[in-house]
Amino acid sequence: MTVYPLVIRAGPLMITGYGIMMMVAFLTAGWVMQRELHRRGLREDYAADIVVAAVIGGIIGGKLWYAALYRDWSTLLSRGGLVWYGGFLGGVLAVILNGWRRRVPMRFTMELVAPALAVGYALGRVGCFLVQDDYGVPTSLPWGMKFPQGWPPSTAQNLMRDFSVTLPPGTQSTDVLAVHPTQLYEVALMLLAFWWIWRWRTHQRAAGWLFGLYLLLAGIERFLVEFLRAKDDRFLGPLTIAQGMSLAIALVGVALLARWSRSDQFALPAEAAVLRTPTAR
């Protein structure tokens, strides 16, 4: 199957599938948090606060990281120039500061964002598929996909040069090869993780336990998918840097699950006092 990027042009304006899905991801994550706040009888505007903080912090963090990494401070005022790690750290810091501003305990915020992070990540990976980034290694499976205009195109030359993929002798460098649509694998796995986390949101354990479950599932998911990703950062045999980070994230998740698993610890610390609606007091 041959797939092309989703790009919408309206005069000088260009809208990509990635941009559309990032907006959908943030809006859906906000809606998920809003539903949970409503279920608890708490102020639903806190969900919008988290989304706004994550967007602003993510953009600032991503641009600062890019500018520092490439020593190009002019990118701070340009459209491009974003790094995921910087965006993630900037978004986390902004959400923490917003919770501090509203005097919401961090563990409650962790509990609240767990399912939203899972579904947001899944929808974000749809965006990666629509711009044909982060695909996998070549495959002969029937659902393998060719990305002739991917980022980069899935040609034999790009796969060998950029990702150190070994190809059969006689493969032409200009051939567009079918690869694993690893973006869609992640979409499916993280939607499954979201379903699982959502089912457990009424648990009777300590606040923050649900975030530990998210970290465990997200770490396992990324660790497994990385085996099929077209990557050139394998630092320990077949393992990539992302797999090392995924293992660390999963272990932190296990630690949080163990620490906050006791049912007699159940009590969302002080959140009722700062987020209850006037009618719920």
Protein backbone atom coordinates (compact mmCIF):
# COMPACT_ATOMS: atom_id res chain seq x y z
CA MET A 1 0.00 0.00 0.00
CA THR A 2 1.34 3.44 -0.95
CA VAL A 3 0.41 6.34 1.34
CA TYR A 4 0.97 10.08 0.91
CA PRO A 5 1.11 12.85 3.55
CA LEU A 6 -2.00 14.80 4.48
CA VAL A 7 -1.36 18.45 3.66
CA ILE A 8 -4.03 21.12 3.26
CA ARG A 9 -3.01 24.32 1.47
CA ALA A 10 -5.02 27.52 1.51
CA GLY A 11 -2.96 30.21 -0.19
CA PRO A 12 0.20 30.75 1.89
CA LEU A 13 -1.25 28.71 4.76
CA MET A 14 -0.22 25.06 5.02
CA ILE A 15 -1.93 22.74 7.50
CA THR A 16 -0.46 19.29 8.03
CA GLY A 17 -2.11 16.17 9.36
CA TYR A 18 0.31 16.29 12.28
CA GLY A 19 -0.85 19.76 13.31
CA ILE A 20 -4.49 18.73 13.04
CA MET A 21 -3.98 15.62 15.17
CA MET A 22 -1.97 17.48 17.80
CA MET A 23 -4.90 19.84 18.22
CA VAL A 24 -7.29 16.87 18.40
CA ALA A 25 -5.00 15.18 20.94
CA PHE A 26 -4.95 18.17 23.29
CA LEU A 27 -8.69 18.73 23.00
CA THR A 28 -9.45 15.05 23.61
CA ALA A 29 -7.09 14.91 26.59
CA GLY A 30 -8.80 17.96 28.04
CA TRP A 31 -12.23 16.39 27.53
CA VAL A 32 -11.10 13.17 29.25
CA MET A 33 -9.85 15.13 32.28
CA GLN A 34 -13.03 17.21 32.31
CA ARG A 35 -15.17 14.07 32.46
CA GLU A 36 -13.20 12.74 35.40
CA LEU A 37 -13.43 16.04 37.27
CA HIS A 38 -17.18 16.05 36.65
CA ARG A 39 -17.47 12.51 37.99
CA ARG A 40 -15.73 13.57 41.17
CA GLY A 41 -17.88 16.68 41.53
CA LEU A 42 -14.86 18.97 41.11
CA ARG A 43 -14.22 22.13 39.14
CA GLU A 44 -13.94 21.20 35.47
CA ASP A 45 -11.98 24.32 34.50
CA TYR A 46 -8.85 22.72 35.93
CA ALA A 47 -8.74 20.50 32.83
CA ALA A 48 -8.52 23.55 30.55
CA ASP A 49 -5.79 25.01 32.77
CA ILE A 50 -3.72 21.85 32.36
CA VAL A 51 -4.14 21.80 28.56
CA VAL A 52 -3.21 25.47 28.17
CA ALA A 53 -0.18 25.05 30.44
CA ALA A 54 0.95 21.94 28.56
CA VAL A 55 0.66 23.67 25.16
CA ILE A 56 2.49 26.85 26.21
CA GLY A 57 5.13 25.02 28.22
CA GLY A 58 5.62 22.47 25.47
CA ILE A 59 6.22 25.09 22.78
CA ILE A 60 8.60 27.13 24.94
CA GLY A 61 10.49 24.07 26.15
CA GLY A 62 10.76 22.56 22.67
CA LYS A 63 12.09 25.79 21.17
CA LEU A 64 14.55 26.48 23.98
CA TRP A 65 15.94 22.94 23.73
CA TYR A 66 16.31 23.24 19.94
CA ALA A 67 17.95 26.66 20.16
CA ALA A 68 20.40 25.48 22.83
CA LEU A 69 21.16 22.23 21.00
CA TYR A 70 21.92 23.88 17.67
CA ARG A 71 23.06 27.27 19.10
CA ASP A 72 20.57 29.04 16.84
CA TRP A 73 18.54 31.46 18.95
CA SER A 74 16.84 32.92 15.88
CA THR A 75 14.61 29.83 15.82
CA LEU A 76 12.84 31.10 18.96
CA LEU A 77 10.85 33.43 16.69
CA SER A 78 10.47 31.04 13.75
CA ARG A 79 7.74 28.54 12.97
CA GLY A 80 10.03 25.53 13.05
CA GLY A 81 12.63 24.32 15.50
CA LEU A 82 11.08 22.06 18.14
CA VAL A 83 12.55 19.12 20.06
CA TRP A 84 10.22 16.54 21.64
CA TYR A 85 12.28 16.08 24.81
CA GLY A 86 12.33 19.83 25.46
CA GLY A 87 8.62 20.09 24.72
CA PHE A 88 7.83 17.25 27.12
CA LEU A 89 9.91 18.72 29.95
CA GLY A 90 8.54 22.20 29.32
CA GLY A 91 4.97 20.91 29.35
CA VAL A 92 5.52 18.95 32.58
CA LEU A 93 7.09 21.96 34.30
CA ALA A 94 4.25 24.23 33.18
CA VAL A 95 1.60 21.78 34.44
CA ILE A 96 3.40 21.48 37.80
CA LEU A 97 3.63 25.26 38.15
CA ASN A 98 -0.04 25.62 37.24
CA GLY A 99 -0.99 23.07 39.90
CA TRP A 100 1.14 24.94 42.43
CA ARG A 101 -0.58 28.20 41.45
CA ARG A 102 -3.98 26.63 42.06
CA ARG A 103 -2.75 24.82 45.20
CA VAL A 104 -3.67 21.41 43.78
CA PRO A 105 -1.52 18.55 45.17
CA MET A 106 0.81 17.12 42.55
CA ARG A 107 -0.33 13.56 43.21
CA PHE A 108 -3.89 14.43 42.32
CA THR A 109 -2.75 16.06 39.08
CA MET A 110 -0.75 12.90 38.30
CA GLU A 111 -3.86 10.83 38.92
CA LEU A 112 -5.97 13.08 36.71
CA VAL A 113 -3.65 13.24 33.71
CA ALA A 114 -2.87 9.49 33.47
CA PRO A 115 -5.69 8.47 31.08
CA ALA A 116 -5.44 11.78 29.21
CA LEU A 117 -1.74 11.20 28.50
CA ALA A 118 -2.47 7.76 27.06
CA VAL A 119 -5.21 8.87 24.66
CA GLY A 120 -3.33 12.08 23.76
CA TYR A 121 -0.21 10.10 22.84
CA ALA A 122 -2.25 7.69 20.71
CA LEU A 123 -3.84 10.53 18.75
CA GLY A 124 -0.49 12.27 18.39
CA ARG A 125 0.88 9.13 16.74
CA VAL A 126 -1.94 9.35 14.19
CA GLY A 127 -0.39 12.71 13.32
CA CYS A 128 3.02 11.05 12.86
CA PHE A 129 1.40 8.60 10.46
CA LEU A 130 -0.26 11.42 8.50
CA VAL A 131 3.12 13.11 7.95
CA GLN A 132 4.79 9.68 7.55
CA ASP A 133 7.41 10.09 10.23
CA ASP A 134 8.71 7.49 12.72
CA TYR A 135 7.96 4.47 10.55
CA GLY A 136 9.50 1.01 10.87
CA VAL A 137 11.90 -1.31 9.11
CA PRO A 138 11.05 -3.01 5.79
CA THR A 139 8.46 -5.78 5.87
CA SER A 140 6.76 -8.18 3.48
CA LEU A 141 3.60 -8.38 5.60
CA PRO A 142 0.38 -7.47 3.77
CA TRP A 143 -0.15 -4.32 5.83
CA GLY A 144 3.30 -2.93 5.05
CA MET A 145 3.14 0.63 3.69
CA LYS A 146 5.26 2.63 1.28
CA PHE A 147 5.94 6.29 2.05
CA PRO A 148 7.37 7.86 -1.15
CA GLN A 149 6.97 11.35 0.36
CA GLY A 150 7.67 10.40 3.95
CA TRP A 151 10.04 12.11 6.33
CA PRO A 152 12.31 10.82 4.95
CA PRO A 153 10.86 8.81 2.04
CA SER A 154 11.07 5.07 2.67
CA THR A 155 13.53 4.47 -0.16
CA ALA A 156 16.25 1.85 0.07
CA GLN A 157 18.88 4.58 0.02
CA ASN A 158 17.36 6.45 2.97
CA LEU A 159 16.81 3.30 5.01
CA MET A 160 20.43 2.22 4.54
CA ARG A 161 21.98 5.67 4.98
CA ASP A 162 19.82 7.13 7.75
CA PHE A 163 18.85 4.03 9.71
CA SER A 164 21.59 1.50 8.90
CA VAL A 165 19.03 -1.02 7.61
CA THR A 166 20.54 -4.06 5.90
CA LEU A 167 18.79 -4.89 2.61
CA PRO A 168 19.00 -7.91 0.27
CA PRO A 169 21.63 -7.74 -2.47
CA GLY A 170 20.32 -6.28 -5.70
CA THR A 171 17.95 -3.78 -4.04
CA GLN A 172 17.94 -0.57 -6.05
CA SER A 173 18.68 2.57 -4.03
CA THR A 174 15.68 4.35 -5.55
CA ASP A 175 13.19 1.59 -4.67
CA VAL A 176 10.43 2.72 -2.31
CA LEU A 177 10.09 -0.10 0.21
CA ALA A 178 7.10 -1.21 2.25
CA VAL A 179 7.80 -0.72 5.97
CA HIS A 180 6.08 -1.44 9.26
CA PRO A 181 3.53 1.34 10.04
CA THR A 182 4.85 1.52 13.61
CA GLN A 183 2.91 4.73 14.17
CA LEU A 184 -0.33 2.75 13.84
CA TYR A 185 1.00 -0.01 16.09
CA GLU A 186 1.52 2.64 18.78
CA VAL A 187 -1.95 4.08 18.18
CA ALA A 188 -3.53 0.67 18.76
CA LEU A 189 -1.42 -0.18 21.81
CA MET A 190 -1.89 3.18 23.52
CA LEU A 191 -5.63 3.16 22.89
CA LEU A 192 -5.66 -0.23 24.59
CA ALA A 193 -3.62 1.26 27.45
CA PHE A 194 -6.10 4.14 27.69
CA TRP A 195 -9.00 1.70 27.92
CA TRP A 196 -7.23 -0.20 30.69
CA ILE A 197 -6.33 2.93 32.66
CA TRP A 198 -9.84 4.33 32.26
CA ARG A 199 -11.31 1.15 33.71
CA TRP A 200 -9.08 1.51 36.77
CA ARG A 201 -9.78 5.19 37.45
CA THR A 202 -12.18 4.28 40.30
CA HIS A 203 -9.51 2.30 42.15
CA GLN A 204 -9.35 2.50 45.93
CA ARG A 205 -5.63 3.05 46.22
CA ALA A 206 -3.58 6.12 47.06
CA ALA A 207 -3.62 9.15 44.78
CA GLY A 208 -1.01 8.84 42.03
CA TRP A 209 -1.35 5.06 41.66
CA LEU A 210 -3.03 5.49 38.29
CA PHE A 211 -0.06 7.51 37.03
CA GLY A 212 2.20 4.62 37.94
CA LEU A 213 0.02 2.33 35.83
CA TYR A 214 0.31 4.74 32.90
CA LEU A 215 4.11 4.84 33.17
CA LEU A 216 4.31 1.05 33.25
CA LEU A 217 2.06 0.56 30.21
CA ALA A 218 3.64 3.41 28.22
CA GLY A 219 7.13 2.11 28.93
CA ILE A 220 6.27 -1.43 27.86
CA GLU A 221 4.51 -0.22 24.71
CA ARG A 222 7.41 1.93 23.51
CA PHE A 223 9.99 -0.73 24.42
CA LEU A 224 8.24 -3.33 22.25
CA VAL A 225 7.54 -1.09 19.25
CA GLU A 226 11.15 0.12 19.13
CA PHE A 227 12.25 -3.32 17.93
CA LEU A 228 10.44 -2.59 14.65
CA ARG A 229 11.30 1.09 14.31
CA ALA A 230 13.75 2.31 11.68
CA LYS A 231 16.39 3.68 14.07
CA ASP A 232 20.13 4.24 14.14
CA ASP A 233 20.68 4.84 17.84
CA ARG A 234 21.09 1.28 19.08
CA PHE A 235 23.58 1.52 21.92
CA LEU A 236 23.36 -1.92 23.57
CA GLY A 237 23.05 -4.69 21.02
CA PRO A 238 19.56 -4.42 19.51
CA LEU A 239 18.34 -1.87 22.09
CA THR A 240 17.82 1.83 21.27
CA ILE A 241 18.19 4.86 23.50
CA ALA A 242 14.40 5.13 23.58
CA GLN A 243 14.21 1.55 24.86
CA GLY A 244 16.59 2.41 27.68
CA MET A 245 14.38 5.35 28.60
CA SER A 246 11.28 3.16 28.29
CA LEU A 247 12.71 0.63 30.73
CA ALA A 248 13.47 3.42 33.19
CA ILE A 249 9.94 4.80 32.84
CA ALA A 250 8.41 1.34 33.34
CA LEU A 251 10.52 0.78 36.48
CA VAL A 252 9.41 4.12 37.91
CA GLY A 253 5.84 3.04 37.18
CA VAL A 254 6.37 -0.22 39.07
CA ALA A 255 7.83 1.70 42.01
CA LEU A 256 4.84 4.06 42.14
CA LEU A 257 2.39 1.18 41.88
CA ALA A 258 4.08 -0.56 44.80
CA ARG A 259 4.38 2.60 46.91
CA TRP A 260 0.77 3.70 46.49
CA SER A 261 -1.00 0.34 46.27
CA ARG A 262 -2.30 0.15 49.83
CA SER A 263 -6.04 0.71 50.05
CA ASP A 264 -5.77 2.31 53.50
CA GLN A 265 -3.85 5.19 51.90
CA PHE A 266 -6.82 6.12 49.71
CA ALA A 267 -7.55 9.80 50.05
CA LEU A 268 -6.84 12.38 47.41
CA PRO A 269 -4.78 14.74 49.59
CA ALA A 270 -6.51 18.07 50.09
CA GLU A 271 -7.82 18.26 46.52
CA ALA A 272 -11.43 18.55 47.66
CA ALA A 273 -10.67 21.81 49.43
CA VAL A 274 -9.32 23.57 46.34
CA LEU A 275 -11.30 22.06 43.46
CA ARG A 276 -14.75 21.48 44.85
CA THR A 277 -17.50 23.43 43.16
CA PRO A 278 -19.57 25.73 45.36
CA THR A 279 -22.55 23.38 45.15
CA ALA A 280 -20.44 20.38 46.19
CA ARG A 281 -19.29 21.87 49.48
